[in-house]
Amino acid sequence: MHHLRRLRHPAIQRLAALDRLEAASRADGHAGHIRTWTDELEQFAEDTGAAWAAAIAAHGRALIAANGDTDDPEPHFLQAMAEHSRASRPVAQARTQLAYGEFLRRSRRRVDARAPLRAAVDVFTEVGALPWADRARQELRASGETARQRDPSTSVQLTPQEQQVANLVSRGSSNADVAAQLFLSRRTVEYHLRNAYQKLGVRSRGDLVRLALS
């Protein structure tokens, strides 16, 4: 929150808008910042017609309501989702789905929370945003449902080199062994392995073994 408050350039502030709003909502004593930043985003959205800004502003209004305002957060979350559908920014949309799911679960609407949380897990896993995916999975588990592991046959297609590296690693080869077998540098092996992790939604060599890559 300290660093996000120090942003001064308007364009940079808008790039970090969702981070600033969520940080302010989780830090004590910053309700005024949420209101100010949300007001600024609403004005920007009105002036430019930017759907992404309108979506984040609505997300901000939902956070204000969820942090003790007398307003109901849900209409603001729904408005944010509608604006996100026009903005084509899937990660930002997934973050709103996560926040909406968290709100629903904490409101004891556990069944209702599952759909937005599932959608958030899918997007975060798809793009390799693993900390966000883990947070969404934790919320989904708290709602009474366990997120299914992604089937590798339906995951993003690995390149041939990524597939080779992932296969060898899943069979127990070290990065050095894989490099020797494929005549690659260890740095190149690490690069392909990192990409495979992201595409498959896994975080460790053990996860690759469990996926039973063919």
C-alpha atoms as a PDB file:
ATOM      1  CA  MET A   1       0.000   0.000   0.000  1.00  0.00           C
ATOM      2  CA  HIS A   2       2.880   2.335   0.833  1.00  0.00           C
ATOM      3  CA  HIS A   3       4.402   1.901  -2.640  1.00  0.00           C
ATOM      4  CA  LEU A   4       1.088   2.040  -4.495  1.00  0.00           C
ATOM      5  CA  ARG A   5       0.192   5.324  -2.792  1.00  0.00           C
ATOM      6  CA  ARG A   6       3.417   6.858  -4.105  1.00  0.00           C
ATOM      7  CA  LEU A   7       2.475   6.413  -7.772  1.00  0.00           C
ATOM      8  CA  ARG A   8       2.051   9.864  -9.283  1.00  0.00           C
ATOM      9  CA  HIS A   9       1.741   9.538 -13.062  1.00  0.00           C
ATOM     10  CA  PRO A  10      -1.958   9.138 -13.990  1.00  0.00           C
ATOM     11  CA  ALA A  11      -1.260   6.476 -16.630  1.00  0.00           C
ATOM     12  CA  ILE A  12       0.745   4.385 -14.160  1.00  0.00           C
ATOM     13  CA  GLN A  13      -1.940   4.849 -11.526  1.00  0.00           C
ATOM     14  CA  ARG A  14      -4.529   3.480 -13.945  1.00  0.00           C
ATOM     15  CA  LEU A  15      -2.324   0.504 -14.845  1.00  0.00           C
ATOM     16  CA  ALA A  16      -2.141  -0.342 -11.133  1.00  0.00           C
ATOM     17  CA  ALA A  17      -5.768   0.579 -10.428  1.00  0.00           C
ATOM     18  CA  LEU A  18      -6.983  -2.857  -9.387  1.00  0.00           C
ATOM     19  CA  ASP A  19      -3.906  -3.497  -7.239  1.00  0.00           C
ATOM     20  CA  ARG A  20      -4.341  -0.129  -5.521  1.00  0.00           C
ATOM     21  CA  LEU A  21      -8.015  -0.687  -4.782  1.00  0.00           C
ATOM     22  CA  GLU A  22      -7.518  -4.191  -3.411  1.00  0.00           C
ATOM     23  CA  ALA A  23      -4.522  -3.169  -1.316  1.00  0.00           C
ATOM     24  CA  ALA A  24      -6.487  -0.264   0.160  1.00  0.00           C
ATOM     25  CA  SER A  25      -9.425  -2.552   0.932  1.00  0.00           C
ATOM     26  CA  ARG A  26      -7.180  -4.927   2.908  1.00  0.00           C
ATOM     27  CA  ALA A  27      -5.169  -2.288   4.774  1.00  0.00           C
ATOM     28  CA  ASP A  28      -6.680  -0.591   7.800  1.00  0.00           C
ATOM     29  CA  GLY A  29      -7.416   3.096   7.562  1.00  0.00           C
ATOM     30  CA  HIS A  30      -7.468   3.484   3.797  1.00  0.00           C
ATOM     31  CA  ALA A  31     -11.185   3.567   2.993  1.00  0.00           C
ATOM     32  CA  GLY A  32     -10.772   7.148   1.809  1.00  0.00           C
ATOM     33  CA  HIS A  33      -8.254   6.087  -0.807  1.00  0.00           C
ATOM     34  CA  ILE A  34     -10.680   3.513  -2.215  1.00  0.00           C
ATOM     35  CA  ARG A  35     -13.327   6.195  -2.649  1.00  0.00           C
ATOM     36  CA  THR A  36     -10.937   8.727  -4.181  1.00  0.00           C
ATOM     37  CA  TRP A  37      -9.393   6.284  -6.613  1.00  0.00           C
ATOM     38  CA  THR A  38     -12.770   4.846  -7.569  1.00  0.00           C
ATOM     39  CA  ASP A  39     -14.147   8.328  -8.226  1.00  0.00           C
ATOM     40  CA  GLU A  40     -11.152   9.083 -10.450  1.00  0.00           C
ATOM     41  CA  LEU A  41     -11.624   5.874 -12.413  1.00  0.00           C
ATOM     42  CA  GLU A  42     -15.329   6.519 -12.878  1.00  0.00           C
ATOM     43  CA  GLN A  43     -14.563   9.959 -14.262  1.00  0.00           C
ATOM     44  CA  PHE A  44     -11.925   8.531 -16.593  1.00  0.00           C
ATOM     45  CA  ALA A  45     -14.342   5.842 -17.796  1.00  0.00           C
ATOM     46  CA  GLU A  46     -17.035   8.445 -18.406  1.00  0.00           C
ATOM     47  CA  ASP A  47     -14.630  10.710 -20.320  1.00  0.00           C
ATOM     48  CA  THR A  48     -13.090   7.956 -22.467  1.00  0.00           C
ATOM     49  CA  GLY A  49     -15.729   5.227 -22.666  1.00  0.00           C
ATOM     50  CA  ALA A  50     -13.094   2.695 -21.531  1.00  0.00           C
ATOM     51  CA  ALA A  51     -14.917  -0.455 -20.462  1.00  0.00           C
ATOM     52  CA  TRP A  52     -11.937  -1.733 -18.455  1.00  0.00           C
ATOM     53  CA  ALA A  53     -11.937   1.433 -16.347  1.00  0.00           C
ATOM     54  CA  ALA A  54     -15.680   1.198 -15.770  1.00  0.00           C
ATOM     55  CA  ALA A  55     -15.231  -2.440 -14.719  1.00  0.00           C
ATOM     56  CA  ILE A  56     -12.520  -1.643 -12.179  1.00  0.00           C
ATOM     57  CA  ALA A  57     -14.480   1.349 -10.890  1.00  0.00           C
ATOM     58  CA  ALA A  58     -17.479  -0.919 -10.295  1.00  0.00           C
ATOM     59  CA  HIS A  59     -15.129  -3.373  -8.574  1.00  0.00           C
ATOM     60  CA  GLY A  60     -14.034  -0.469  -6.377  1.00  0.00           C
ATOM     61  CA  ARG A  61     -17.646   0.362  -5.490  1.00  0.00           C
ATOM     62  CA  ALA A  62     -18.164  -3.276  -4.523  1.00  0.00           C
ATOM     63  CA  LEU A  63     -15.113  -3.152  -2.253  1.00  0.00           C
ATOM     64  CA  ILE A  64     -16.380   0.035  -0.617  1.00  0.00           C
ATOM     65  CA  ALA A  65     -19.725  -1.622   0.056  1.00  0.00           C
ATOM     66  CA  ALA A  66     -18.109  -4.833   1.302  1.00  0.00           C
ATOM     67  CA  ASN A  67     -15.947  -2.854   3.737  1.00  0.00           C
ATOM     68  CA  GLY A  68     -18.853  -1.641   5.804  1.00  0.00           C
ATOM     69  CA  ASP A  69     -20.877   0.703   3.599  1.00  0.00           C
ATOM     70  CA  THR A  70     -24.647   0.393   3.827  1.00  0.00           C
ATOM     71  CA  ASP A  71     -24.769  -0.362   0.084  1.00  0.00           C
ATOM     72  CA  ASP A  72     -25.059  -3.943  -1.237  1.00  0.00           C
ATOM     73  CA  PRO A  73     -21.814  -5.051  -2.957  1.00  0.00           C
ATOM     74  CA  GLU A  74     -23.457  -7.557  -5.301  1.00  0.00           C
ATOM     75  CA  PRO A  75     -24.947  -5.132  -7.886  1.00  0.00           C
ATOM     76  CA  HIS A  76     -21.533  -3.501  -8.199  1.00  0.00           C
ATOM     77  CA  PHE A  77     -19.830  -6.854  -8.742  1.00  0.00           C
ATOM     78  CA  LEU A  78     -22.412  -7.723 -11.394  1.00  0.00           C
ATOM     79  CA  GLN A  79     -21.889  -4.368 -13.092  1.00  0.00           C
ATOM     80  CA  ALA A  80     -18.138  -4.965 -13.047  1.00  0.00           C
ATOM     81  CA  MET A  81     -18.624  -8.372 -14.683  1.00  0.00           C
ATOM     82  CA  ALA A  82     -20.795  -6.845 -17.399  1.00  0.00           C
ATOM     83  CA  GLU A  83     -18.166  -4.201 -18.135  1.00  0.00           C
ATOM     84  CA  HIS A  84     -15.387  -6.795 -18.118  1.00  0.00           C
ATOM     85  CA  SER A  85     -17.236  -8.737 -20.814  1.00  0.00           C
ATOM     86  CA  ARG A  86     -16.766  -5.719 -23.105  1.00  0.00           C
ATOM     87  CA  ALA A  87     -13.175  -5.033 -22.118  1.00  0.00           C
ATOM     88  CA  SER A  88     -11.444  -8.300 -23.143  1.00  0.00           C
ATOM     89  CA  ARG A  89      -9.096  -8.309 -20.152  1.00  0.00           C
ATOM     90  CA  PRO A  90      -9.524 -11.857 -18.833  1.00  0.00           C
ATOM     91  CA  VAL A  91      -7.094 -11.615 -15.901  1.00  0.00           C
ATOM     92  CA  ALA A  92      -8.734  -8.468 -14.552  1.00  0.00           C
ATOM     93  CA  GLN A  93     -12.102 -10.169 -15.006  1.00  0.00           C
ATOM     94  CA  ALA A  94     -10.832 -13.228 -13.127  1.00  0.00           C
ATOM     95  CA  ARG A  95      -9.727 -11.009 -10.254  1.00  0.00           C
ATOM     96  CA  THR A  96     -13.228  -9.582 -10.031  1.00  0.00           C
ATOM     97  CA  GLN A  97     -14.668 -13.110 -10.182  1.00  0.00           C
ATOM     98  CA  LEU A  98     -12.375 -14.079  -7.318  1.00  0.00           C
ATOM     99  CA  ALA A  99     -13.417 -11.064  -5.241  1.00  0.00           C
ATOM    100  CA  TYR A 100     -17.080 -11.745  -6.025  1.00  0.00           C
ATOM    101  CA  GLY A 101     -16.697 -15.398  -5.064  1.00  0.00           C
ATOM    102  CA  GLU A 102     -14.995 -14.405  -1.811  1.00  0.00           C
ATOM    103  CA  PHE A 103     -17.848 -12.043  -1.007  1.00  0.00           C
ATOM    104  CA  LEU A 104     -20.488 -14.694  -1.749  1.00  0.00           C
ATOM    105  CA  ARG A 105     -18.742 -17.325   0.360  1.00  0.00           C
ATOM    106  CA  ARG A 106     -18.357 -14.955   3.282  1.00  0.00           C
ATOM    107  CA  SER A 107     -22.050 -14.159   2.922  1.00  0.00           C
ATOM    108  CA  ARG A 108     -22.722 -17.905   3.406  1.00  0.00           C
ATOM    109  CA  ARG A 109     -23.784 -18.329  -0.207  1.00  0.00           C
ATOM    110  CA  ARG A 110     -21.290 -21.091  -0.785  1.00  0.00           C
ATOM    111  CA  VAL A 111     -23.045 -22.709  -3.739  1.00  0.00           C
ATOM    112  CA  ASP A 112     -23.395 -19.357  -5.535  1.00  0.00           C
ATOM    113  CA  ALA A 113     -19.701 -18.648  -4.933  1.00  0.00           C
ATOM    114  CA  ARG A 114     -18.501 -21.692  -6.840  1.00  0.00           C
ATOM    115  CA  ALA A 115     -19.187 -20.563 -10.417  1.00  0.00           C
ATOM    116  CA  PRO A 116     -17.150 -17.325 -10.289  1.00  0.00           C
ATOM    117  CA  LEU A 117     -14.410 -19.066  -8.313  1.00  0.00           C
ATOM    118  CA  ARG A 118     -14.188 -21.897 -10.857  1.00  0.00           C
ATOM    119  CA  ALA A 119     -13.952 -19.374 -13.677  1.00  0.00           C
ATOM    120  CA  ALA A 120     -11.188 -17.518 -11.841  1.00  0.00           C
ATOM    121  CA  VAL A 121      -9.209 -20.725 -11.236  1.00  0.00           C
ATOM    122  CA  ASP A 122      -9.403 -21.598 -14.946  1.00  0.00           C
ATOM    123  CA  VAL A 123      -8.122 -18.227 -16.134  1.00  0.00           C
ATOM    124  CA  PHE A 124      -5.337 -17.929 -13.560  1.00  0.00           C
ATOM    125  CA  THR A 125      -4.178 -21.471 -14.322  1.00  0.00           C
ATOM    126  CA  GLU A 126      -4.328 -20.858 -18.070  1.00  0.00           C
ATOM    127  CA  VAL A 127      -2.045 -17.821 -17.918  1.00  0.00           C
ATOM    128  CA  GLY A 128       0.293 -19.251 -15.291  1.00  0.00           C
ATOM    129  CA  ALA A 129      -0.703 -16.832 -12.510  1.00  0.00           C
ATOM    130  CA  LEU A 130      -0.099 -19.540  -9.954  1.00  0.00           C
ATOM    131  CA  PRO A 131      -0.358 -17.517  -6.700  1.00  0.00           C
ATOM    132  CA  TRP A 132      -3.729 -16.173  -7.855  1.00  0.00           C
ATOM    133  CA  ALA A 133      -4.815 -19.666  -8.920  1.00  0.00           C
ATOM    134  CA  ASP A 134      -3.858 -21.029  -5.493  1.00  0.00           C
ATOM    135  CA  ARG A 135      -5.844 -18.307  -3.744  1.00  0.00           C
ATOM    136  CA  ALA A 136      -8.895 -19.010  -5.905  1.00  0.00           C
ATOM    137  CA  ARG A 137      -8.579 -22.770  -5.248  1.00  0.00           C
ATOM    138  CA  GLN A 138      -8.429 -22.140  -1.505  1.00  0.00           C
ATOM    139  CA  GLU A 139     -11.634 -20.138  -1.727  1.00  0.00           C
ATOM    140  CA  LEU A 140     -13.230 -22.844  -3.841  1.00  0.00           C
ATOM    141  CA  ARG A 141     -12.281 -25.492  -1.280  1.00  0.00           C
ATOM    142  CA  ALA A 142     -13.725 -23.290   1.467  1.00  0.00           C
ATOM    143  CA  SER A 143     -16.981 -23.219  -0.505  1.00  0.00           C
ATOM    144  CA  GLY A 144     -17.114 -27.006  -0.277  1.00  0.00           C
ATOM    145  CA  GLU A 145     -15.779 -27.859  -3.731  1.00  0.00           C
ATOM    146  CA  THR A 146     -12.317 -28.989  -4.794  1.00  0.00           C
ATOM    147  CA  ALA A 147     -10.868 -27.543  -7.988  1.00  0.00           C
ATOM    148  CA  ARG A 148     -10.152 -30.319 -10.455  1.00  0.00           C
ATOM    149  CA  GLN A 149      -6.618 -30.677 -11.725  1.00  0.00           C
ATOM    150  CA  ARG A 150      -6.320 -29.712 -15.351  1.00  0.00           C
ATOM    151  CA  ASP A 151      -6.228 -32.663 -17.725  1.00  0.00           C
ATOM    152  CA  PRO A 152      -3.021 -32.286 -19.770  1.00  0.00           C
ATOM    153  CA  SER A 153      -4.893 -33.357 -22.912  1.00  0.00           C
ATOM    154  CA  THR A 154      -7.008 -30.201 -22.630  1.00  0.00           C
ATOM    155  CA  SER A 155      -4.240 -27.845 -21.574  1.00  0.00           C
ATOM    156  CA  VAL A 156      -2.525 -25.297 -23.752  1.00  0.00           C
ATOM    157  CA  GLN A 157      -0.513 -27.148 -26.388  1.00  0.00           C
ATOM    158  CA  LEU A 158       3.129 -27.633 -25.453  1.00  0.00           C
ATOM    159  CA  THR A 159       5.769 -27.030 -28.078  1.00  0.00           C
ATOM    160  CA  PRO A 160       7.713 -30.158 -29.136  1.00  0.00           C
ATOM    161  CA  GLN A 161      10.742 -28.999 -27.124  1.00  0.00           C
ATOM    162  CA  GLU A 162       8.611 -28.291 -24.026  1.00  0.00           C
ATOM    163  CA  GLN A 163       6.999 -31.715 -24.391  1.00  0.00           C
ATOM    164  CA  GLN A 164      10.394 -33.444 -24.579  1.00  0.00           C
ATOM    165  CA  VAL A 165      11.701 -31.631 -21.526  1.00  0.00           C
ATOM    166  CA  ALA A 166       8.517 -32.264 -19.532  1.00  0.00           C
ATOM    167  CA  ASN A 167       8.537 -35.968 -20.459  1.00  0.00           C
ATOM    168  CA  LEU A 168      12.125 -36.457 -19.343  1.00  0.00           C
ATOM    169  CA  VAL A 169      11.655 -34.522 -16.122  1.00  0.00           C
ATOM    170  CA  SER A 170       8.482 -36.479 -15.324  1.00  0.00           C
ATOM    171  CA  ARG A 171      10.571 -39.664 -15.602  1.00  0.00           C
ATOM    172  CA  GLY A 172      13.009 -38.445 -12.983  1.00  0.00           C
ATOM    173  CA  SER A 173      15.759 -36.835 -15.065  1.00  0.00           C
ATOM    174  CA  SER A 174      17.562 -33.831 -13.624  1.00  0.00           C
ATOM    175  CA  ASN A 175      17.883 -30.626 -15.610  1.00  0.00           C
ATOM    176  CA  ALA A 176      21.526 -31.487 -16.277  1.00  0.00           C
ATOM    177  CA  ASP A 177      20.545 -34.935 -17.577  1.00  0.00           C
ATOM    178  CA  VAL A 178      17.860 -33.454 -19.819  1.00  0.00           C
ATOM    179  CA  ALA A 179      20.344 -30.910 -21.174  1.00  0.00           C
ATOM    180  CA  ALA A 180      22.812 -33.672 -22.025  1.00  0.00           C
ATOM    181  CA  GLN A 181      20.206 -35.880 -23.680  1.00  0.00           C
ATOM    182  CA  LEU A 182      18.723 -33.092 -25.802  1.00  0.00           C
ATOM    183  CA  PHE A 183      22.014 -31.280 -26.482  1.00  0.00           C
ATOM    184  CA  LEU A 184      20.709 -28.098 -24.878  1.00  0.00           C
ATOM    185  CA  SER A 185      22.102 -25.752 -22.272  1.00  0.00           C
ATOM    186  CA  ARG A 186      20.754 -26.056 -18.740  1.00  0.00           C
ATOM    187  CA  ARG A 187      19.375 -22.530 -19.037  1.00  0.00           C
ATOM    188  CA  THR A 188      17.380 -23.535 -22.118  1.00  0.00           C
ATOM    189  CA  VAL A 189      16.046 -26.598 -20.312  1.00  0.00           C
ATOM    190  CA  GLU A 190      14.988 -24.428 -17.367  1.00  0.00           C
ATOM    191  CA  TYR A 191      13.248 -22.043 -19.777  1.00  0.00           C
ATOM    192  CA  HIS A 192      11.256 -24.813 -21.475  1.00  0.00           C
ATOM    193  CA  LEU A 193      10.428 -26.445 -18.142  1.00  0.00           C
ATOM    194  CA  ARG A 194       9.159 -23.160 -16.722  1.00  0.00           C
ATOM    195  CA  ASN A 195       6.930 -22.663 -19.770  1.00  0.00           C
ATOM    196  CA  ALA A 196       5.594 -26.224 -19.441  1.00  0.00           C
ATOM    197  CA  TYR A 197       4.778 -25.643 -15.766  1.00  0.00           C
ATOM    198  CA  GLN A 198       2.815 -22.517 -16.639  1.00  0.00           C
ATOM    199  CA  LYS A 199       0.895 -24.090 -19.505  1.00  0.00           C
ATOM    200  CA  LEU A 200       0.020 -27.211 -17.530  1.00  0.00           C
ATOM    201  CA  GLY A 201      -0.856 -25.335 -14.356  1.00  0.00           C
ATOM    202  CA  VAL A 202       1.675 -27.175 -12.175  1.00  0.00           C
ATOM    203  CA  ARG A 203       4.410 -25.963  -9.853  1.00  0.00           C
ATOM    204  CA  SER A 204       6.850 -28.819  -9.307  1.00  0.00           C
ATOM    205  CA  ARG A 205       8.508 -31.879 -10.804  1.00  0.00           C
ATOM    206  CA  GLY A 206       6.280 -34.049  -8.633  1.00  0.00           C
ATOM    207  CA  ASP A 207       3.220 -32.444 -10.211  1.00  0.00           C
ATOM    208  CA  LEU A 208       4.513 -33.443 -13.643  1.00  0.00           C
ATOM    209  CA  VAL A 209       4.859 -37.049 -12.502  1.00  0.00           C
ATOM    210  CA  ARG A 210       1.273 -37.053 -11.247  1.00  0.00           C
ATOM    211  CA  LEU A 211       0.029 -35.723 -14.572  1.00  0.00           C
ATOM    212  CA  ALA A 212       1.516 -38.837 -16.200  1.00  0.00           C
ATOM    213  CA  LEU A 213       2.564 -37.076 -19.372  1.00  0.00           C
ATOM    214  CA  SER A 214       2.880 -39.304 -22.380  1.00  0.00           C
END
